Amino acid sequence: MSMIVRPYSSDLEDSVMKLSHKAWALFKHNKDFEHQKMSCVFNEDSKLITVGYVRQGIADDHNVMEIVIHVNEEGSERIDEVRKIIYPSLVDICLAIRNPGKKTKLVAWDDFDGDREFFIEQGFSSYQKYYFAKQSLSECIPKFKMPSGVTIRHHPMKTKEERVKYTELENQFYQGVVYRSINMLEWMMGGPELHTIGAYEGEELVGSVMCWQTGAVERLFVIPRWGNKGLSEFLITKAFEYHLKHGRINVETLVNEQEKDKLLLLESLGYSFPVKLELLALDIQ
C-alpha cells in the first residue's frame, strides 16, 4: 500500500486545520478558494500529511495558476514522494479551471523545502525574482513634506462599492501572483489588523499603502499623474509612523526585482534587501 491522493471533502476540515491553519482559513472564509481546487495526500495509515491547492492570479493576456503545497512533519520527511504524487493532481486542477482561450502560466515559489530541483525536472524555469526588503525604525525615520494638492487619511473601505473601486485601481499596478481580488481583500479585512492609508485629490484616490500587523508596508501605488512628486515617499513614511505608533520597529516590503524605481526608492529610505525569492514558471498551451 502506498500514499494516495484524494480531493477535499467536508469530513477532512479538522484534519486540514491541524495540518495548515492558513489553508484551512483560506478555504473556510475566502471565496476565491473553492474546495475543488484542493488535493489531499494520505499516508499508508490514511492520515492526512499534505494539502496542495491552486491559486488563481491575474494577467492581461494569460492565465496565472500558482501551486501551493503544505506538509506536516511526516510529509516534510517524505517530500520527494509527496511532490511526485500531488503534482499531477494540481496540474489537472489547473487545466480544469483555466480559461482555455488563453495561454496558461503555471508558477511555483522556490523558497521553501528545496523545491527548485523538482520543478526544474517538470520543465519549469526562472520567471521572476522578488525581495523581502527590510527596514529598522529604531532610528529617526525620514521626513517628507506632503505634496500640495492631496490629503492623506485612513481608507476604511466600509462599503462594497469602495472595496470594489479600490481593488480595480490596485490591480492596475499588481498582477500575476501578487494580484488580489475583492474576496482576498475582504478576507484580509476580517483579520486582526489591516490599515490602509489613502492619498486623495479631492475625493479621488490617487495613491495608497497598506500596513499589516506583521510589520508589512505593502501594496504601495501612486497613479501616473502623481508620480515623481514625492507622494510615494510620503505614503511610506506615514506607514512607518503607523507602525511606530503600534510599537513596531521592524518593517518589510515585498518588491519585484524588475521594479527598479521602487527598489531605488526603498534603498533611499534605508531599506536593505537580505531575502530574495524566486518564482518559477511553466507555460501550458
C-alpha atoms as a PDB file:
ATOM      1  CA  MET A   1       0.000   0.000   0.000  1.00  0.00           C
ATOM      2  CA  SER A   2       1.290   3.481  -0.845  1.00  0.00           C
ATOM      3  CA  MET A   3       0.281   7.094  -0.397  1.00  0.00           C
ATOM      4  CA  ILE A   4      -2.909   8.193  -2.134  1.00  0.00           C
ATOM      5  CA  VAL A   5      -4.350  11.493  -3.341  1.00  0.00           C
ATOM      6  CA  ARG A   6      -7.950  12.418  -2.663  1.00  0.00           C
ATOM      7  CA  PRO A   7      -9.958  15.578  -3.324  1.00  0.00           C
ATOM      8  CA  TYR A   8     -11.133  17.560  -0.322  1.00  0.00           C
ATOM      9  CA  SER A   9     -14.387  16.601   1.390  1.00  0.00           C
ATOM     10  CA  SER A  10     -16.120  18.207   4.356  1.00  0.00           C
ATOM     11  CA  ASP A  11     -15.121  15.405   6.743  1.00  0.00           C
ATOM     12  CA  LEU A  12     -11.491  16.493   6.315  1.00  0.00           C
ATOM     13  CA  GLU A  13     -11.974  20.018   7.686  1.00  0.00           C
ATOM     14  CA  ASP A  14     -10.484  19.337  11.136  1.00  0.00           C
ATOM     15  CA  SER A  15      -7.540  17.443   9.627  1.00  0.00           C
ATOM     16  CA  VAL A  16      -6.783  20.281   7.205  1.00  0.00           C
ATOM     17  CA  MET A  17      -6.965  22.820  10.049  1.00  0.00           C
ATOM     18  CA  LYS A  18      -4.449  20.820  12.109  1.00  0.00           C
ATOM     19  CA  LEU A  19      -2.086  20.425   9.156  1.00  0.00           C
ATOM     20  CA  SER A  20      -2.220  24.040   7.898  1.00  0.00           C
ATOM     21  CA  HIS A  21      -4.222  26.743   9.622  1.00  0.00           C
ATOM     22  CA  LYS A  22      -3.542  29.057   6.671  1.00  0.00           C
ATOM     23  CA  ALA A  23      -5.022  26.615   4.141  1.00  0.00           C
ATOM     24  CA  TRP A  24      -7.980  25.930   6.431  1.00  0.00           C
ATOM     25  CA  ALA A  25      -8.687  29.665   6.881  1.00  0.00           C
ATOM     26  CA  LEU A  26      -8.451  30.353   3.149  1.00  0.00           C
ATOM     27  CA  PHE A  27     -10.833  27.586   2.158  1.00  0.00           C
ATOM     28  CA  LYS A  28     -13.173  28.290   5.073  1.00  0.00           C
ATOM     29  CA  HIS A  29     -13.501  32.061   4.669  1.00  0.00           C
ATOM     30  CA  ASN A  30     -12.082  33.255   1.329  1.00  0.00           C
ATOM     31  CA  LYS A  31     -14.495  32.854  -1.585  1.00  0.00           C
ATOM     32  CA  ASP A  32     -11.597  32.616  -4.066  1.00  0.00           C
ATOM     33  CA  PHE A  33     -10.654  29.229  -2.621  1.00  0.00           C
ATOM     34  CA  GLU A  34     -13.200  26.639  -3.685  1.00  0.00           C
ATOM     35  CA  HIS A  35     -12.707  23.111  -2.441  1.00  0.00           C
ATOM     36  CA  GLN A  36     -12.373  21.579  -5.900  1.00  0.00           C
ATOM     37  CA  LYS A  37      -9.019  23.435  -6.052  1.00  0.00           C
ATOM     38  CA  MET A  38      -7.589  21.348  -3.168  1.00  0.00           C
ATOM     39  CA  SER A  39      -5.857  17.951  -3.239  1.00  0.00           C
ATOM     40  CA  CYS A  40      -5.044  15.919  -0.126  1.00  0.00           C
ATOM     41  CA  VAL A  41      -2.298  13.310   0.309  1.00  0.00           C
ATOM     42  CA  PHE A  42      -2.729  10.457   2.797  1.00  0.00           C
ATOM     43  CA  ASN A  43      -0.114   8.056   4.074  1.00  0.00           C
ATOM     44  CA  GLU A  44      -0.438   4.284   4.322  1.00  0.00           C
ATOM     45  CA  ASP A  45      -2.367   4.675   7.595  1.00  0.00           C
ATOM     46  CA  SER A  46      -4.925   7.001   5.960  1.00  0.00           C
ATOM     47  CA  LYS A  47      -3.508  10.011   7.817  1.00  0.00           C
ATOM     48  CA  LEU A  48      -3.507  13.387   6.063  1.00  0.00           C
ATOM     49  CA  ILE A  49       0.102  14.519   5.569  1.00  0.00           C
ATOM     50  CA  THR A  50      -0.142  17.073   2.739  1.00  0.00           C
ATOM     51  CA  VAL A  51      -2.556  19.646   1.357  1.00  0.00           C
ATOM     52  CA  GLY A  52      -1.987  21.233  -2.048  1.00  0.00           C
ATOM     53  CA  TYR A  53      -4.041  23.738  -3.988  1.00  0.00           C
ATOM     54  CA  VAL A  54      -4.035  26.051  -6.981  1.00  0.00           C
ATOM     55  CA  ARG A  55      -4.385  29.791  -6.503  1.00  0.00           C
ATOM     56  CA  GLN A  56      -5.529  31.828  -9.499  1.00  0.00           C
ATOM     57  CA  GLY A  57      -3.718  35.073 -10.262  1.00  0.00           C
ATOM     58  CA  ILE A  58      -4.456  37.688 -12.883  1.00  0.00           C
ATOM     59  CA  ALA A  59      -2.714  38.936 -16.021  1.00  0.00           C
ATOM     60  CA  ASP A  60      -3.953  40.780 -19.072  1.00  0.00           C
ATOM     61  CA  ASP A  61      -3.055  38.189 -21.696  1.00  0.00           C
ATOM     62  CA  HIS A  62      -2.768  34.814 -19.914  1.00  0.00           C
ATOM     63  CA  ASN A  63      -3.929  32.673 -17.016  1.00  0.00           C
ATOM     64  CA  VAL A  64      -1.762  32.605 -13.883  1.00  0.00           C
ATOM     65  CA  MET A  65      -2.006  29.481 -11.681  1.00  0.00           C
ATOM     66  CA  GLU A  66       0.118  29.254  -8.539  1.00  0.00           C
ATOM     67  CA  ILE A  67       0.883  25.871  -6.964  1.00  0.00           C
ATOM     68  CA  VAL A  68       0.904  25.872  -3.150  1.00  0.00           C
ATOM     69  CA  ILE A  69       1.800  22.821  -1.039  1.00  0.00           C
ATOM     70  CA  HIS A  70       1.578  22.488   2.766  1.00  0.00           C
ATOM     71  CA  VAL A  71       3.004  19.473   4.592  1.00  0.00           C
ATOM     72  CA  ASN A  72       3.148  18.268   8.185  1.00  0.00           C
ATOM     73  CA  GLU A  73       6.279  16.736   9.747  1.00  0.00           C
ATOM     74  CA  GLU A  74       5.768  13.347   8.084  1.00  0.00           C
ATOM     75  CA  GLY A  75       5.026  14.972   4.751  1.00  0.00           C
ATOM     76  CA  SER A  76       8.213  17.014   5.066  1.00  0.00           C
ATOM     77  CA  GLU A  77      10.237  13.857   5.746  1.00  0.00           C
ATOM     78  CA  ARG A  78       8.804  12.306   2.557  1.00  0.00           C
ATOM     79  CA  ILE A  79       8.728  15.483   0.498  1.00  0.00           C
ATOM     80  CA  ASP A  80      10.146  13.898  -2.675  1.00  0.00           C
ATOM     81  CA  GLU A  81       7.379  11.272  -2.713  1.00  0.00           C
ATOM     82  CA  VAL A  82       4.768  13.872  -1.824  1.00  0.00           C
ATOM     83  CA  ARG A  83       5.685  16.188  -4.700  1.00  0.00           C
ATOM     84  CA  LYS A  84       5.591  13.350  -7.227  1.00  0.00           C
ATOM     85  CA  ILE A  85       2.139  12.174  -6.168  1.00  0.00           C
ATOM     86  CA  ILE A  86       0.424  15.541  -5.689  1.00  0.00           C
ATOM     87  CA  TYR A  87       1.845  17.482  -8.644  1.00  0.00           C
ATOM     88  CA  PRO A  88      -0.194  15.683 -11.387  1.00  0.00           C
ATOM     89  CA  SER A  89      -3.415  16.304  -9.461  1.00  0.00           C
ATOM     90  CA  LEU A  90      -2.620  20.022  -9.176  1.00  0.00           C
ATOM     91  CA  VAL A  91      -1.920  20.202 -12.917  1.00  0.00           C
ATOM     92  CA  ASP A  92      -5.305  18.562 -13.525  1.00  0.00           C
ATOM     93  CA  ILE A  93      -6.970  21.208 -11.347  1.00  0.00           C
ATOM     94  CA  CYS A  94      -5.171  23.938 -13.281  1.00  0.00           C
ATOM     95  CA  LEU A  95      -6.374  22.532 -16.608  1.00  0.00           C
ATOM     96  CA  ALA A  96      -9.937  22.237 -15.319  1.00  0.00           C
ATOM     97  CA  ILE A  97     -10.304  25.830 -14.055  1.00  0.00           C
ATOM     98  CA  ARG A  98      -8.223  27.828 -16.542  1.00  0.00           C
ATOM     99  CA  ASN A  99      -9.604  29.827 -19.436  1.00  0.00           C
ATOM    100  CA  PRO A 100      -8.782  27.543 -22.400  1.00  0.00           C
ATOM    101  CA  GLY A 101      -8.775  30.526 -24.733  1.00  0.00           C
ATOM    102  CA  LYS A 102      -5.638  31.904 -23.069  1.00  0.00           C
ATOM    103  CA  LYS A 103      -2.118  30.637 -22.571  1.00  0.00           C
ATOM    104  CA  THR A 104      -1.583  29.420 -19.004  1.00  0.00           C
ATOM    105  CA  LYS A 105       1.446  30.121 -16.856  1.00  0.00           C
ATOM    106  CA  LEU A 106       1.792  27.618 -14.005  1.00  0.00           C
ATOM    107  CA  VAL A 107       4.020  29.074 -11.267  1.00  0.00           C
ATOM    108  CA  ALA A 108       5.629  27.952  -8.010  1.00  0.00           C
ATOM    109  CA  TRP A 109       7.891  29.618  -5.468  1.00  0.00           C
ATOM    110  CA  ASP A 110      11.423  28.348  -4.981  1.00  0.00           C
ATOM    111  CA  ASP A 111      11.732  29.454  -1.372  1.00  0.00           C
ATOM    112  CA  PHE A 112      10.845  26.511   0.889  1.00  0.00           C
ATOM    113  CA  ASP A 113      11.677  22.791   1.166  1.00  0.00           C
ATOM    114  CA  GLY A 114      14.196  22.781  -1.707  1.00  0.00           C
ATOM    115  CA  ASP A 115      11.510  22.653  -4.391  1.00  0.00           C
ATOM    116  CA  ARG A 116      13.645  24.013  -7.213  1.00  0.00           C
ATOM    117  CA  GLU A 117      15.125  20.735  -8.437  1.00  0.00           C
ATOM    118  CA  PHE A 118      11.717  19.056  -8.615  1.00  0.00           C
ATOM    119  CA  PHE A 119      10.061  21.860 -10.559  1.00  0.00           C
ATOM    120  CA  ILE A 120      13.003  22.190 -12.942  1.00  0.00           C
ATOM    121  CA  GLU A 121      12.584  18.472 -13.690  1.00  0.00           C
ATOM    122  CA  GLN A 122       8.951  19.196 -14.618  1.00  0.00           C
ATOM    123  CA  GLY A 123      10.053  21.829 -17.132  1.00  0.00           C
ATOM    124  CA  PHE A 124       9.766  24.989 -15.006  1.00  0.00           C
ATOM    125  CA  SER A 125      12.295  27.780 -15.477  1.00  0.00           C
ATOM    126  CA  SER A 126      13.151  31.042 -13.721  1.00  0.00           C
ATOM    127  CA  TYR A 127      10.416  33.640 -14.212  1.00  0.00           C
ATOM    128  CA  GLN A 128      10.547  36.462 -11.654  1.00  0.00           C
ATOM    129  CA  LYS A 129      12.564  37.423  -8.568  1.00  0.00           C
ATOM    130  CA  TYR A 130      11.301  39.289  -5.529  1.00  0.00           C
ATOM    131  CA  TYR A 131      12.911  40.795  -2.439  1.00  0.00           C
ATOM    132  CA  PHE A 132      11.620  40.979   1.102  1.00  0.00           C
ATOM    133  CA  ALA A 133      13.039  44.446   1.710  1.00  0.00           C
ATOM    134  CA  LYS A 134      13.556  45.181   5.417  1.00  0.00           C
ATOM    135  CA  GLN A 135      13.899  48.378   7.403  1.00  0.00           C
ATOM    136  CA  SER A 136      14.514  49.160  11.072  1.00  0.00           C
ATOM    137  CA  LEU A 137      12.719  52.179  12.521  1.00  0.00           C
ATOM    138  CA  SER A 138      14.867  52.245  15.660  1.00  0.00           C
ATOM    139  CA  GLU A 139      16.456  55.494  14.493  1.00  0.00           C
ATOM    140  CA  CYS A 140      14.669  58.631  13.318  1.00  0.00           C
ATOM    141  CA  ILE A 141      12.596  57.997  10.217  1.00  0.00           C
ATOM    142  CA  PRO A 142      12.975  60.382   7.277  1.00  0.00           C
ATOM    143  CA  LYS A 143      10.567  63.285   6.953  1.00  0.00           C
ATOM    144  CA  PHE A 144       8.925  64.392   3.703  1.00  0.00           C
ATOM    145  CA  LYS A 145       6.603  67.275   3.027  1.00  0.00           C
ATOM    146  CA  MET A 146       3.124  66.274   1.911  1.00  0.00           C
ATOM    147  CA  PRO A 147       2.755  67.138  -1.783  1.00  0.00           C
ATOM    148  CA  SER A 148       0.468  70.090  -2.424  1.00  0.00           C
ATOM    149  CA  GLY A 149      -2.961  69.187  -3.774  1.00  0.00           C
ATOM    150  CA  VAL A 150      -3.557  65.937  -1.882  1.00  0.00           C
ATOM    151  CA  THR A 151      -4.903  64.963   1.516  1.00  0.00           C
ATOM    152  CA  ILE A 152      -3.868  61.832   3.421  1.00  0.00           C
ATOM    153  CA  ARG A 153      -6.307  59.826   5.531  1.00  0.00           C
ATOM    154  CA  HIS A 154      -7.252  56.331   6.643  1.00  0.00           C
ATOM    155  CA  HIS A 155      -9.235  54.479   3.964  1.00  0.00           C
ATOM    156  CA  PRO A 156     -11.502  52.025   5.837  1.00  0.00           C
ATOM    157  CA  MET A 157     -13.407  50.855   2.728  1.00  0.00           C
ATOM    158  CA  LYS A 158     -16.592  50.263   4.702  1.00  0.00           C
ATOM    159  CA  THR A 159     -18.845  49.711   1.684  1.00  0.00           C
ATOM    160  CA  LYS A 160     -18.710  47.063  -1.019  1.00  0.00           C
ATOM    161  CA  GLU A 161     -18.582  49.811  -3.642  1.00  0.00           C
ATOM    162  CA  GLU A 162     -15.456  51.298  -2.025  1.00  0.00           C
ATOM    163  CA  ARG A 163     -13.753  47.909  -1.850  1.00  0.00           C
ATOM    164  CA  VAL A 164     -14.513  47.113  -5.487  1.00  0.00           C
ATOM    165  CA  LYS A 165     -13.287  50.527  -6.621  1.00  0.00           C
ATOM    166  CA  TYR A 166     -10.075  50.188  -4.616  1.00  0.00           C
ATOM    167  CA  THR A 167      -9.399  46.666  -5.914  1.00  0.00           C
ATOM    168  CA  GLU A 168      -9.898  47.711  -9.528  1.00  0.00           C
ATOM    169  CA  LEU A 169      -7.418  50.563  -9.099  1.00  0.00           C
ATOM    170  CA  GLU A 170      -4.862  48.473  -7.186  1.00  0.00           C
ATOM    171  CA  ASN A 171      -4.901  45.739  -9.825  1.00  0.00           C
ATOM    172  CA  GLN A 172      -3.668  48.215 -12.435  1.00  0.00           C
ATOM    173  CA  PHE A 173      -0.374  48.048 -10.519  1.00  0.00           C
ATOM    174  CA  TYR A 174      -0.324  44.495  -9.095  1.00  0.00           C
ATOM    175  CA  GLN A 175      -0.954  41.466 -11.284  1.00  0.00           C
ATOM    176  CA  GLY A 176       0.432  37.934 -11.567  1.00  0.00           C
ATOM    177  CA  VAL A 177       0.704  36.090  -8.253  1.00  0.00           C
ATOM    178  CA  VAL A 178       0.631  39.326  -6.228  1.00  0.00           C
ATOM    179  CA  TYR A 179      -2.771  40.256  -7.619  1.00  0.00           C
ATOM    180  CA  ARG A 180      -5.526  40.475  -5.030  1.00  0.00           C
ATOM    181  CA  SER A 181      -9.232  40.013  -5.635  1.00  0.00           C
ATOM    182  CA  ILE A 182     -12.138  41.616  -3.802  1.00  0.00           C
ATOM    183  CA  ASN A 183     -12.583  38.293  -1.993  1.00  0.00           C
ATOM    184  CA  MET A 184      -8.971  38.346  -0.797  1.00  0.00           C
ATOM    185  CA  LEU A 185      -9.275  41.966   0.334  1.00  0.00           C
ATOM    186  CA  GLU A 186     -12.435  41.253   2.323  1.00  0.00           C
ATOM    187  CA  TRP A 187     -10.872  38.149   3.872  1.00  0.00           C
ATOM    188  CA  MET A 188      -7.847  40.150   4.992  1.00  0.00           C
ATOM    189  CA  MET A 189     -10.021  42.943   6.343  1.00  0.00           C
ATOM    190  CA  GLY A 190     -11.670  40.341   8.566  1.00  0.00           C
ATOM    191  CA  GLY A 191      -8.311  39.615  10.204  1.00  0.00           C
ATOM    192  CA  PRO A 192      -6.828  41.245  13.298  1.00  0.00           C
ATOM    193  CA  GLU A 193      -5.383  44.337  11.601  1.00  0.00           C
ATOM    194  CA  LEU A 194      -5.253  45.786   8.110  1.00  0.00           C
ATOM    195  CA  HIS A 195      -4.765  49.546   7.911  1.00  0.00           C
ATOM    196  CA  THR A 196      -4.950  51.346   4.567  1.00  0.00           C
ATOM    197  CA  ILE A 197      -3.616  54.883   4.124  1.00  0.00           C
ATOM    198  CA  GLY A 198      -5.024  56.706   1.107  1.00  0.00           C
ATOM    199  CA  ALA A 199      -3.930  59.847  -0.759  1.00  0.00           C
ATOM    200  CA  TYR A 200      -6.803  61.848  -2.255  1.00  0.00           C
ATOM    201  CA  GLU A 201      -7.074  64.595  -4.829  1.00  0.00           C
ATOM    202  CA  GLY A 202     -10.470  65.905  -3.846  1.00  0.00           C
ATOM    203  CA  GLU A 203     -12.439  62.673  -3.465  1.00  0.00           C
ATOM    204  CA  GLU A 204     -10.348  60.675  -5.966  1.00  0.00           C
ATOM    205  CA  LEU A 205      -7.979  58.047  -4.589  1.00  0.00           C
ATOM    206  CA  VAL A 206      -4.628  58.727  -6.261  1.00  0.00           C
ATOM    207  CA  GLY A 207      -2.262  56.699  -4.075  1.00  0.00           C
ATOM    208  CA  SER A 208      -2.300  54.145  -1.298  1.00  0.00           C
ATOM    209  CA  VAL A 209      -0.228  51.998   1.043  1.00  0.00           C
ATOM    210  CA  MET A 210      -1.230  49.215   3.441  1.00  0.00           C
ATOM    211  CA  CYS A 211       0.051  48.259   6.880  1.00  0.00           C
ATOM    212  CA  TRP A 212      -0.419  44.794   8.405  1.00  0.00           C
ATOM    213  CA  GLN A 213       0.082  43.644  11.973  1.00  0.00           C
ATOM    214  CA  THR A 214       3.185  41.718  10.865  1.00  0.00           C
ATOM    215  CA  GLY A 215       5.035  44.987  10.224  1.00  0.00           C
ATOM    216  CA  ALA A 216       4.380  44.863   6.488  1.00  0.00           C
ATOM    217  CA  VAL A 217       4.342  48.037   4.413  1.00  0.00           C
ATOM    218  CA  GLU A 218       2.680  46.779   1.240  1.00  0.00           C
ATOM    219  CA  ARG A 219       0.528  47.473  -1.801  1.00  0.00           C
ATOM    220  CA  LEU A 220       2.098  50.878  -2.428  1.00  0.00           C
ATOM    221  CA  PHE A 221       0.865  52.550  -5.589  1.00  0.00           C
ATOM    222  CA  VAL A 222       0.536  56.076  -6.959  1.00  0.00           C
ATOM    223  CA  ILE A 223      -1.349  56.840 -10.178  1.00  0.00           C
ATOM    224  CA  PRO A 224       0.879  58.073 -13.042  1.00  0.00           C
ATOM    225  CA  ARG A 225      -0.032  61.768 -12.951  1.00  0.00           C
ATOM    226  CA  TRP A 226       1.089  61.885  -9.314  1.00  0.00           C
ATOM    227  CA  GLY A 227       4.381  60.128  -9.959  1.00  0.00           C
ATOM    228  CA  ASN A 228       7.697  61.861  -9.218  1.00  0.00           C
ATOM    229  CA  LYS A 229       6.047  64.353  -6.850  1.00  0.00           C
ATOM    230  CA  GLY A 230       7.160  62.812  -3.581  1.00  0.00           C
ATOM    231  CA  LEU A 231       3.850  61.108  -2.873  1.00  0.00           C
ATOM    232  CA  SER A 232       5.292  57.589  -2.692  1.00  0.00           C
ATOM    233  CA  GLU A 233       7.910  58.690  -0.154  1.00  0.00           C
ATOM    234  CA  PHE A 234       5.305  60.489   1.939  1.00  0.00           C
ATOM    235  CA  LEU A 235       2.941  57.497   1.970  1.00  0.00           C
ATOM    236  CA  ILE A 236       5.713  55.131   3.049  1.00  0.00           C
ATOM    237  CA  THR A 237       6.752  57.409   5.917  1.00  0.00           C
ATOM    238  CA  LYS A 238       3.110  57.640   7.039  1.00  0.00           C
ATOM    239  CA  ALA A 239       3.141  53.825   7.133  1.00  0.00           C
ATOM    240  CA  PHE A 240       6.337  53.981   9.226  1.00  0.00           C
ATOM    241  CA  GLU A 241       4.604  56.333  11.651  1.00  0.00           C
ATOM    242  CA  TYR A 242       1.630  53.986  11.924  1.00  0.00           C
ATOM    243  CA  HIS A 243       3.830  51.011  12.809  1.00  0.00           C
ATOM    244  CA  LEU A 244       5.848  53.021  15.323  1.00  0.00           C
ATOM    245  CA  LYS A 245       2.628  54.148  16.982  1.00  0.00           C
ATOM    246  CA  HIS A 246       1.752  50.458  17.422  1.00  0.00           C
ATOM    247  CA  GLY A 247       5.149  49.557  18.881  1.00  0.00           C
ATOM    248  CA  ARG A 248       6.765  48.033  15.792  1.00  0.00           C
ATOM    249  CA  ILE A 249      10.276  48.984  14.761  1.00  0.00           C
ATOM    250  CA  ASN A 250      10.918  46.372  12.063  1.00  0.00           C
ATOM    251  CA  VAL A 251       9.026  46.621   8.776  1.00  0.00           C
ATOM    252  CA  GLU A 252       9.233  44.769   5.474  1.00  0.00           C
ATOM    253  CA  THR A 253       8.045  45.236   1.916  1.00  0.00           C
ATOM    254  CA  LEU A 254       7.778  42.730  -0.961  1.00  0.00           C
ATOM    255  CA  VAL A 255       9.120  44.176  -4.206  1.00  0.00           C
ATOM    256  CA  ASN A 256       9.690  42.737  -7.663  1.00  0.00           C
ATOM    257  CA  GLU A 257      13.322  42.851  -8.779  1.00  0.00           C
ATOM    258  CA  GLN A 258      12.152  44.340 -12.096  1.00  0.00           C
ATOM    259  CA  GLU A 259      10.665  47.366 -10.317  1.00  0.00           C
ATOM    260  CA  LYS A 260      13.915  49.319 -10.398  1.00  0.00           C
ATOM    261  CA  ASP A 261      12.353  52.651  -9.411  1.00  0.00           C
ATOM    262  CA  LYS A 262      10.723  51.115  -6.340  1.00  0.00           C
ATOM    263  CA  LEU A 263      13.962  49.374  -5.337  1.00  0.00           C
ATOM    264  CA  LEU A 264      15.821  52.683  -5.562  1.00  0.00           C
ATOM    265  CA  LEU A 265      13.063  54.383  -3.573  1.00  0.00           C
ATOM    266  CA  LEU A 266      13.200  51.802  -0.792  1.00  0.00           C
ATOM    267  CA  GLU A 267      17.003  51.927  -0.726  1.00  0.00           C
ATOM    268  CA  SER A 268      16.871  55.720  -0.334  1.00  0.00           C
ATOM    269  CA  LEU A 269      14.573  55.215   2.661  1.00  0.00           C
ATOM    270  CA  GLY A 270      17.058  52.949   4.400  1.00  0.00           C
ATOM    271  CA  TYR A 271      15.784  49.503   3.373  1.00  0.00           C
ATOM    272  CA  SER A 272      18.087  46.526   2.968  1.00  0.00           C
ATOM    273  CA  PHE A 273      17.349  43.503   0.767  1.00  0.00           C
ATOM    274  CA  PRO A 274      18.508  40.363   2.616  1.00  0.00           C
ATOM    275  CA  VAL A 275      15.892  37.869   1.404  1.00  0.00           C
ATOM    276  CA  LYS A 276      15.447  37.034  -2.279  1.00  0.00           C
ATOM    277  CA  LEU A 277      12.635  34.803  -3.549  1.00  0.00           C
ATOM    278  CA  GLU A 278      12.411  33.240  -6.991  1.00  0.00           C
ATOM    279  CA  LEU A 279       9.251  32.413  -8.880  1.00  0.00           C
ATOM    280  CA  LEU A 280       9.481  29.507 -11.343  1.00  0.00           C
ATOM    281  CA  ALA A 281       7.083  29.112 -14.244  1.00  0.00           C
ATOM    282  CA  LEU A 282       5.910  26.608 -16.850  1.00  0.00           C
ATOM    283  CA  ASP A 283       3.858  27.637 -19.900  1.00  0.00           C
ATOM    284  CA  ILE A 284       0.904  25.397 -20.681  1.00  0.00           C
ATOM    285  CA  GLN A 285      -0.791  25.831 -24.043  1.00  0.00           C
END
